[in-house]
């Protein structure tokens, strides 16, 4: 991890389009809404933040602004000056400054930008294809692989000290986590001849065997718990928002929706545009954003009914909490902000 790393606390931009100065206080929050009238550069500011943190300097260079400061909660500032498309990038901490390169920028804080035009993406040889089909295929392949990967791996003993009571607690904690993982449609195969979880007598009698089993199961949980959690949260979000249909994972590992009354399967390709938007936004948040990332969501209101928009803020906050994300939501819609105006920054022309 870079020594510059920290949570983003403030964004300041000077002379955007040679016109606007903006200050966006994030104040250590998990979630901040940014709104403005059209044409004031809200999306441009968001893309600048993303491109700086990703080291996409050509995109930064060709944007019209004089300076942007990214301030972090550990007292670090990143200063990006753009003088006639010549960039000067400095890291500042404790009044000391030094030049920063692309790799240092990329190592500071992972960033994901969810574009308003998210329904189609370049794929393969440059063709534009529906993003939902690509994303759901990727996810189904990962689920399918997890279903196949049920055999436990032999793990080298780390030599940690563990009493019988400690081993018993460890195995019961692992049992609870595996029960949770199974809600995602996969889980480990317990080797024949083992009771799981064992009783105290079995732990005492076959201690080395159950210790080895515990270590292998611990390895499995470490590899799959977060993925399973993302799947479960993803399904819960869909089934909270969608009306008259339930999203499930079928026996092949594919997501599908079934009507609540008749159980008729509805292909994802037949979803409404709003339903597809929901799938895409939360797929990217849950499966593409690494823990600790900054996630910028631009215009989440696209194609959504007002009643759905009003639910989004609370769901964003919950996802940010569960996945340890910092989130900026850029929106034109008061319904997205709903009751959270205390989390909002408005960009105004001076």
Protein backbone atom coordinates (compact mmCIF):
# COMPACT_ATOMS: atom_id res chain seq x y z
CA UNK A 1 0.00 0.00 0.00
CA UNK A 2 1.29 3.44 -0.91
CA UNK A 3 2.36 5.72 1.90
CA UNK A 4 0.07 8.35 0.36
CA UNK A 5 -3.00 6.22 0.96
CA UNK A 6 -5.98 7.47 2.97
CA UNK A 7 -9.69 8.18 2.61
CA UNK A 8 -10.56 11.07 0.33
CA UNK A 9 -11.83 13.99 2.44
CA UNK A 10 -12.00 16.95 0.04
CA UNK A 11 -11.90 17.71 -3.68
CA UNK A 12 -11.00 21.22 -4.84
CA UNK A 13 -10.87 22.28 -8.48
CA UNK A 14 -9.86 25.67 -9.85
CA UNK A 15 -10.87 27.19 -13.17
CA UNK A 16 -12.73 24.24 -14.61
CA UNK A 17 -13.48 25.21 -18.23
CA UNK A 18 -11.68 28.47 -17.28
CA UNK A 19 -14.87 29.37 -15.39
CA UNK A 20 -15.65 27.45 -12.21
CA UNK A 21 -14.03 26.90 -8.82
CA UNK A 22 -15.53 24.08 -6.72
CA UNK A 23 -14.93 22.62 -3.28
CA UNK A 24 -16.49 19.28 -2.39
CA UNK A 25 -16.23 18.32 1.29
CA UNK A 26 -16.56 14.58 1.85
CA UNK A 27 -15.77 14.89 5.58
CA UNK A 28 -14.86 11.25 6.09
CA UNK A 29 -18.32 10.03 5.09
CA UNK A 30 -19.02 6.69 3.44
CA UNK A 31 -21.51 8.38 1.12
CA UNK A 32 -21.72 11.86 -0.42
CA UNK A 33 -24.21 13.12 -3.01
CA UNK A 34 -23.07 15.78 -5.49
CA UNK A 35 -25.68 17.65 -7.51
CA UNK A 36 -25.88 20.67 -9.80
CA UNK A 37 -27.68 22.09 -12.79
CA UNK A 38 -26.72 20.71 -16.19
CA UNK A 39 -23.58 22.07 -17.80
CA UNK A 40 -21.69 23.06 -14.66
CA UNK A 41 -19.14 20.24 -14.93
CA UNK A 42 -20.32 17.77 -12.30
CA UNK A 43 -19.50 14.71 -14.39
CA UNK A 44 -16.24 16.28 -15.58
CA UNK A 45 -15.09 16.73 -11.98
CA UNK A 46 -15.99 13.13 -11.18
CA UNK A 47 -14.09 11.83 -14.22
CA UNK A 48 -11.07 13.96 -13.30
CA UNK A 49 -10.93 12.41 -9.84
CA UNK A 50 -11.21 8.93 -11.35
CA UNK A 51 -8.59 9.54 -14.05
CA UNK A 52 -6.10 11.06 -11.60
CA UNK A 53 -6.40 8.13 -9.18
CA UNK A 54 -6.13 5.64 -12.06
CA UNK A 55 -3.15 7.41 -13.59
CA UNK A 56 -4.98 8.08 -16.87
CA UNK A 57 -2.94 11.21 -17.44
CA UNK A 58 -3.82 11.73 -21.10
CA UNK A 59 -7.48 12.05 -20.08
CA UNK A 60 -6.46 14.50 -17.33
CA UNK A 61 -4.19 16.52 -19.60
CA UNK A 62 -6.87 17.16 -22.23
CA UNK A 63 -9.44 18.41 -19.70
CA UNK A 64 -9.68 22.18 -19.27
CA UNK A 65 -8.83 23.08 -15.67
CA UNK A 66 -6.06 24.95 -13.90
CA UNK A 67 -5.57 22.87 -10.75
CA UNK A 68 -7.18 20.06 -8.74
CA UNK A 69 -6.37 19.19 -5.14
CA UNK A 70 -7.30 15.80 -3.71
CA UNK A 71 -7.07 15.87 0.09
CA UNK A 72 -6.94 12.72 2.19
CA UNK A 73 -7.82 12.13 5.83
CA UNK A 74 -4.21 11.28 6.75
CA UNK A 75 -3.11 14.84 5.94
CA UNK A 76 -1.86 14.06 2.44
CA UNK A 77 -2.72 16.26 -0.54
CA UNK A 78 -2.29 15.47 -4.21
CA UNK A 79 -1.94 18.59 -6.34
CA UNK A 80 -2.44 18.35 -10.09
CA UNK A 81 -1.63 21.49 -12.10
CA UNK A 82 -2.52 21.70 -15.78
CA UNK A 83 -0.66 24.46 -17.62
CA UNK A 84 -1.43 24.39 -21.34
CA UNK A 85 -1.83 20.58 -21.16
CA UNK A 86 1.47 20.14 -19.31
CA UNK A 87 0.85 18.37 -16.01
CA UNK A 88 2.70 18.93 -12.76
CA UNK A 89 1.72 16.40 -10.09
CA UNK A 90 2.86 16.79 -6.49
CA UNK A 91 2.28 14.84 -3.31
CA UNK A 92 2.22 17.02 -0.22
CA UNK A 93 2.40 15.96 3.42
CA UNK A 94 3.61 17.80 6.50
CA UNK A 95 4.46 20.78 4.25
CA UNK A 96 6.84 18.62 2.22
CA UNK A 97 6.25 18.20 -1.50
CA UNK A 98 7.58 15.73 -4.01
CA UNK A 99 6.73 14.84 -7.57
CA UNK A 100 4.46 11.86 -8.11
CA UNK A 101 4.43 9.43 -11.02
CA UNK A 102 1.75 7.27 -12.55
CA UNK A 103 2.48 4.21 -10.41
CA UNK A 104 2.29 6.20 -7.17
CA UNK A 105 -1.05 7.66 -8.24
CA UNK A 106 -2.40 4.21 -9.05
CA UNK A 107 -1.23 2.88 -5.69
CA UNK A 108 -2.99 5.50 -3.60
CA UNK A 109 -6.63 4.48 -3.66
CA UNK A 110 -8.50 2.14 -6.00
CA UNK A 111 -11.26 3.94 -7.85
CA UNK A 112 -14.26 2.73 -9.86
CA UNK A 113 -16.30 5.09 -12.05
CA UNK A 114 -19.79 3.93 -13.03
CA UNK A 115 -20.60 5.85 -16.20
CA UNK A 116 -24.13 7.13 -17.01
CA UNK A 117 -23.80 5.39 -20.39
CA UNK A 118 -23.29 1.99 -18.77
CA UNK A 119 -25.71 -0.12 -20.84
CA UNK A 120 -23.12 -0.78 -23.58
CA UNK A 121 -19.37 -1.34 -23.40
CA UNK A 122 -16.53 -2.03 -25.88
CA UNK A 123 -15.75 -5.72 -26.06
CA UNK A 124 -13.38 -7.96 -27.97
CA UNK A 125 -12.31 -6.29 -31.22
CA UNK A 126 -13.90 -2.96 -30.32
CA UNK A 127 -17.53 -3.80 -30.97
CA UNK A 128 -20.06 -2.18 -28.64
CA UNK A 129 -22.09 -4.84 -26.87
CA UNK A 130 -24.76 -4.88 -24.12
CA UNK A 131 -22.84 -4.72 -20.85
CA UNK A 132 -25.40 -6.71 -18.87
CA UNK A 133 -24.82 -9.88 -20.88
CA UNK A 134 -21.04 -9.58 -20.43
CA UNK A 135 -21.32 -8.96 -16.70
CA UNK A 136 -23.84 -11.71 -16.01
CA UNK A 137 -21.82 -14.20 -18.05
CA UNK A 138 -18.70 -13.29 -16.04
CA UNK A 139 -20.58 -13.70 -12.77
CA UNK A 140 -22.18 -17.00 -13.76
CA UNK A 141 -18.79 -18.37 -14.80
CA UNK A 142 -17.34 -17.43 -11.42
CA UNK A 143 -20.28 -19.06 -9.62
CA UNK A 144 -19.96 -22.16 -11.79
CA UNK A 145 -16.26 -22.40 -10.96
CA UNK A 146 -17.04 -22.05 -7.24
CA UNK A 147 -19.58 -24.88 -7.54
CA UNK A 148 -16.93 -27.11 -9.09
CA UNK A 149 -14.25 -26.11 -6.60
CA UNK A 150 -15.76 -27.96 -3.66
CA UNK A 151 -12.81 -30.20 -2.80
CA UNK A 152 -10.77 -28.93 0.11
CA UNK A 153 -7.11 -28.11 -0.36
CA UNK A 154 -4.47 -29.49 1.97
CA UNK A 155 -3.08 -26.56 3.94
CA UNK A 156 0.32 -26.51 5.62
CA UNK A 157 -0.04 -26.31 9.39
CA UNK A 158 0.96 -22.85 10.63
CA UNK A 159 1.86 -24.16 14.08
CA UNK A 160 -0.52 -21.90 16.00
CA UNK A 161 -1.28 -22.99 19.57
CA UNK A 162 -4.84 -24.23 19.97
CA UNK A 163 -6.56 -26.02 22.86
CA UNK A 164 -9.46 -28.42 22.30
CA UNK A 165 -11.82 -25.61 23.27
CA UNK A 166 -10.14 -23.26 20.78
CA UNK A 167 -10.44 -25.85 18.00
CA UNK A 168 -14.09 -26.44 18.88
CA UNK A 169 -14.84 -22.69 18.69
CA UNK A 170 -12.94 -22.41 15.42
CA UNK A 171 -14.90 -25.26 13.81
CA UNK A 172 -18.26 -23.88 14.96
CA UNK A 173 -17.37 -20.42 13.66
CA UNK A 174 -16.39 -22.00 10.34
CA UNK A 175 -19.69 -23.93 10.29
CA UNK A 176 -21.66 -20.67 10.57
CA UNK A 177 -19.65 -19.11 7.76
CA UNK A 178 -20.06 -22.14 5.51
CA UNK A 179 -23.82 -22.15 6.13
CA UNK A 180 -23.80 -18.52 4.98
CA UNK A 181 -21.69 -19.33 1.91
CA UNK A 182 -24.14 -22.08 0.91
CA UNK A 183 -26.85 -19.43 0.47
CA UNK A 184 -24.85 -18.36 -2.61
CA UNK A 185 -25.30 -21.80 -4.17
CA UNK A 186 -21.98 -23.49 -3.42
CA UNK A 187 -19.90 -24.84 -0.57
CA UNK A 188 -17.13 -27.27 0.37
CA UNK A 189 -17.36 -31.05 0.43
CA UNK A 190 -16.55 -32.49 3.86
CA UNK A 191 -14.33 -35.59 3.45
CA UNK A 192 -15.93 -38.94 4.17
CA UNK A 193 -15.55 -40.18 7.74
CA UNK A 194 -15.68 -36.74 9.38
CA UNK A 195 -18.56 -35.44 11.47
CA UNK A 196 -18.89 -31.68 10.98
CA UNK A 197 -18.89 -30.06 13.35
CA UNK A 198 -17.42 -32.72 15.63
CA UNK A 199 -18.28 -33.07 19.30
CA UNK A 200 -15.69 -32.55 22.04
CA UNK A 201 -14.96 -36.29 22.30
CA UNK A 202 -14.17 -36.55 18.59
CA UNK A 203 -11.93 -33.48 18.75
CA UNK A 204 -9.99 -35.01 21.62
CA UNK A 205 -9.79 -38.47 20.02
CA UNK A 206 -8.90 -37.37 16.48
CA UNK A 207 -7.29 -34.04 17.19
CA UNK A 208 -4.73 -33.92 14.39
CA UNK A 209 -7.33 -34.91 11.78
CA UNK A 210 -9.80 -32.25 12.87
CA UNK A 211 -7.08 -29.65 13.14
CA UNK A 212 -6.12 -30.36 9.51
CA UNK A 213 -9.81 -30.20 8.51
CA UNK A 214 -10.23 -26.88 10.31
CA UNK A 215 -7.26 -25.36 8.50
CA UNK A 216 -8.52 -26.55 5.11
CA UNK A 217 -12.00 -25.20 5.79
CA UNK A 218 -10.54 -21.92 7.02
CA UNK A 219 -8.67 -21.65 3.70
CA UNK A 220 -11.92 -22.28 1.79
CA UNK A 221 -13.76 -19.62 3.78
CA UNK A 222 -10.99 -17.08 3.16
CA UNK A 223 -11.22 -17.75 -0.60
CA UNK A 224 -14.99 -17.69 -0.96
CA UNK A 225 -16.69 -15.82 1.90
CA UNK A 226 -16.50 -12.32 0.37
CA UNK A 227 -17.62 -13.60 -3.02
CA UNK A 228 -20.58 -15.41 -1.46
CA UNK A 229 -21.45 -12.33 0.58
CA UNK A 230 -21.50 -10.22 -2.58
CA UNK A 231 -23.82 -12.70 -4.31
CA UNK A 232 -26.22 -12.77 -1.36
CA UNK A 233 -26.29 -8.97 -1.04
CA UNK A 234 -26.74 -8.68 -4.82
CA UNK A 235 -29.77 -11.00 -4.76
CA UNK A 236 -31.21 -9.24 -1.71
CA UNK A 237 -30.98 -5.85 -3.43
CA UNK A 238 -32.70 -7.13 -6.57
CA UNK A 239 -35.45 -8.79 -4.59
CA UNK A 240 -35.99 -5.69 -2.47
CA UNK A 241 -36.43 -3.43 -5.49
CA UNK A 242 -38.03 -5.62 -8.15
CA UNK A 243 -41.80 -6.00 -8.23
CA UNK A 244 -43.65 -9.28 -8.90
CA UNK A 245 -40.50 -11.26 -9.64
CA UNK A 246 -37.73 -12.98 -7.65
CA UNK A 247 -34.12 -13.34 -8.73
CA UNK A 248 -32.52 -16.73 -8.04
CA UNK A 249 -29.41 -18.69 -9.00
CA UNK A 250 -30.30 -21.84 -10.91
CA UNK A 251 -28.53 -25.20 -10.66
CA UNK A 252 -26.14 -24.17 -13.47
CA UNK A 253 -24.98 -21.08 -11.56
CA UNK A 254 -26.89 -18.61 -13.75
CA UNK A 255 -29.01 -15.75 -12.48
CA UNK A 256 -32.61 -15.81 -13.60
CA UNK A 257 -35.87 -14.19 -12.56
CA UNK A 258 -39.15 -15.97 -11.92
CA UNK A 259 -42.56 -14.38 -11.62
CA UNK A 260 -43.96 -14.60 -8.10
CA UNK A 261 -47.36 -16.00 -9.12
CA UNK A 262 -46.69 -18.53 -11.88
CA UNK A 263 -42.95 -19.11 -11.51
CA UNK A 264 -42.41 -18.28 -15.19
CA UNK A 265 -38.73 -17.74 -15.98
CA UNK A 266 -37.98 -14.29 -17.43
CA UNK A 267 -34.66 -14.02 -19.32
CA UNK A 268 -32.46 -11.10 -18.28
CA UNK A 269 -32.60 -9.87 -21.87
CA UNK A 270 -36.34 -9.24 -21.37
CA UNK A 271 -35.87 -7.08 -18.29
CA UNK A 272 -36.97 -3.46 -18.46
CA UNK A 273 -34.29 -0.80 -18.93
CA UNK A 274 -34.64 0.21 -15.28
CA UNK A 275 -34.22 -3.37 -14.08
CA UNK A 276 -31.10 -3.71 -16.21
CA UNK A 277 -29.70 -0.46 -14.78
CA UNK A 278 -30.10 -1.81 -11.25
CA UNK A 279 -28.33 -5.06 -12.15
CA UNK A 280 -25.42 -3.25 -13.79
CA UNK A 281 -24.88 -0.65 -11.05
CA UNK A 282 -24.82 -3.13 -8.19
CA UNK A 283 -22.88 -5.76 -10.11
CA UNK A 284 -20.09 -3.22 -10.61
CA UNK A 285 -20.18 -2.10 -6.97
CA UNK A 286 -20.21 -5.57 -5.47
CA UNK A 287 -17.98 -7.51 -7.87
CA UNK A 288 -15.64 -4.95 -9.45
CA UNK A 289 -14.87 -2.57 -6.57
CA UNK A 290 -12.19 -3.83 -4.20
CA UNK A 291 -12.67 -3.18 -0.45
CA UNK A 292 -11.38 0.27 0.45
CA UNK A 293 -12.11 1.66 -3.03
CA UNK A 294 -13.66 4.97 -3.96
CA UNK A 295 -16.77 4.33 -6.08
CA UNK A 296 -18.18 7.18 -8.17
CA UNK A 297 -21.70 6.59 -9.47
CA UNK A 298 -22.77 9.07 -12.15
CA UNK A 299 -26.51 9.58 -12.69
CA UNK A 300 -27.88 6.42 -11.04
CA UNK A 301 -31.40 7.71 -11.72
CA UNK A 302 -31.27 6.81 -15.43
CA UNK A 303 -34.45 4.84 -16.39
CA UNK A 304 -35.55 4.40 -12.76
CA UNK A 305 -39.05 5.10 -11.47
CA UNK A 306 -39.19 7.69 -8.68
CA UNK A 307 -40.11 5.02 -6.12
CA UNK A 308 -36.93 3.11 -7.02
CA UNK A 309 -34.83 6.27 -6.95
CA UNK A 310 -35.97 6.94 -3.40
CA UNK A 311 -34.60 3.58 -2.27
CA UNK A 312 -31.15 3.98 -3.83
CA UNK A 313 -29.48 6.18 -1.23
CA UNK A 314 -30.10 3.77 1.65
CA UNK A 315 -28.93 0.83 -0.45
CA UNK A 316 -25.78 2.71 -1.51
CA UNK A 317 -25.00 3.42 2.14
CA UNK A 318 -25.50 -0.23 3.11
CA UNK A 319 -23.30 -1.50 0.26
CA UNK A 320 -20.61 1.02 1.19
CA UNK A 321 -20.71 -0.23 4.78
CA UNK A 322 -20.73 -3.96 3.94
CA UNK A 323 -17.99 -3.72 1.28
CA UNK A 324 -15.92 -1.00 3.01
CA UNK A 325 -16.31 1.52 0.18
CA UNK A 326 -16.27 5.28 -0.01
CA UNK A 327 -18.94 6.45 -2.42
CA UNK A 328 -19.70 9.66 -4.34
CA UNK A 329 -23.03 9.76 -6.14
CA UNK A 330 -23.40 12.48 -8.79
CA UNK A 331 -27.06 13.10 -9.57
CA UNK A 332 -29.63 15.51 -10.98
CA UNK A 333 -32.44 13.81 -9.08
CA UNK A 334 -33.76 15.02 -5.70
CA UNK A 335 -35.42 11.61 -5.39
CA UNK A 336 -32.02 9.86 -5.31
CA UNK A 337 -30.98 12.12 -2.42
CA UNK A 338 -34.43 11.72 -0.84
CA UNK A 339 -33.99 12.29 2.93
CA UNK A 340 -30.19 12.61 2.88
CA UNK A 341 -29.68 16.31 2.14
CA UNK A 342 -27.19 16.49 5.01
CA UNK A 343 -24.90 14.27 2.89
CA UNK A 344 -25.13 16.55 -0.14
CA UNK A 345 -22.83 19.07 -1.84
CA UNK A 346 -24.22 21.38 -4.53
CA UNK A 347 -21.96 22.75 -7.26
CA UNK A 348 -22.88 26.35 -7.99
CA UNK A 349 -21.57 28.79 -10.58
CA UNK A 350 -19.96 31.73 -8.78
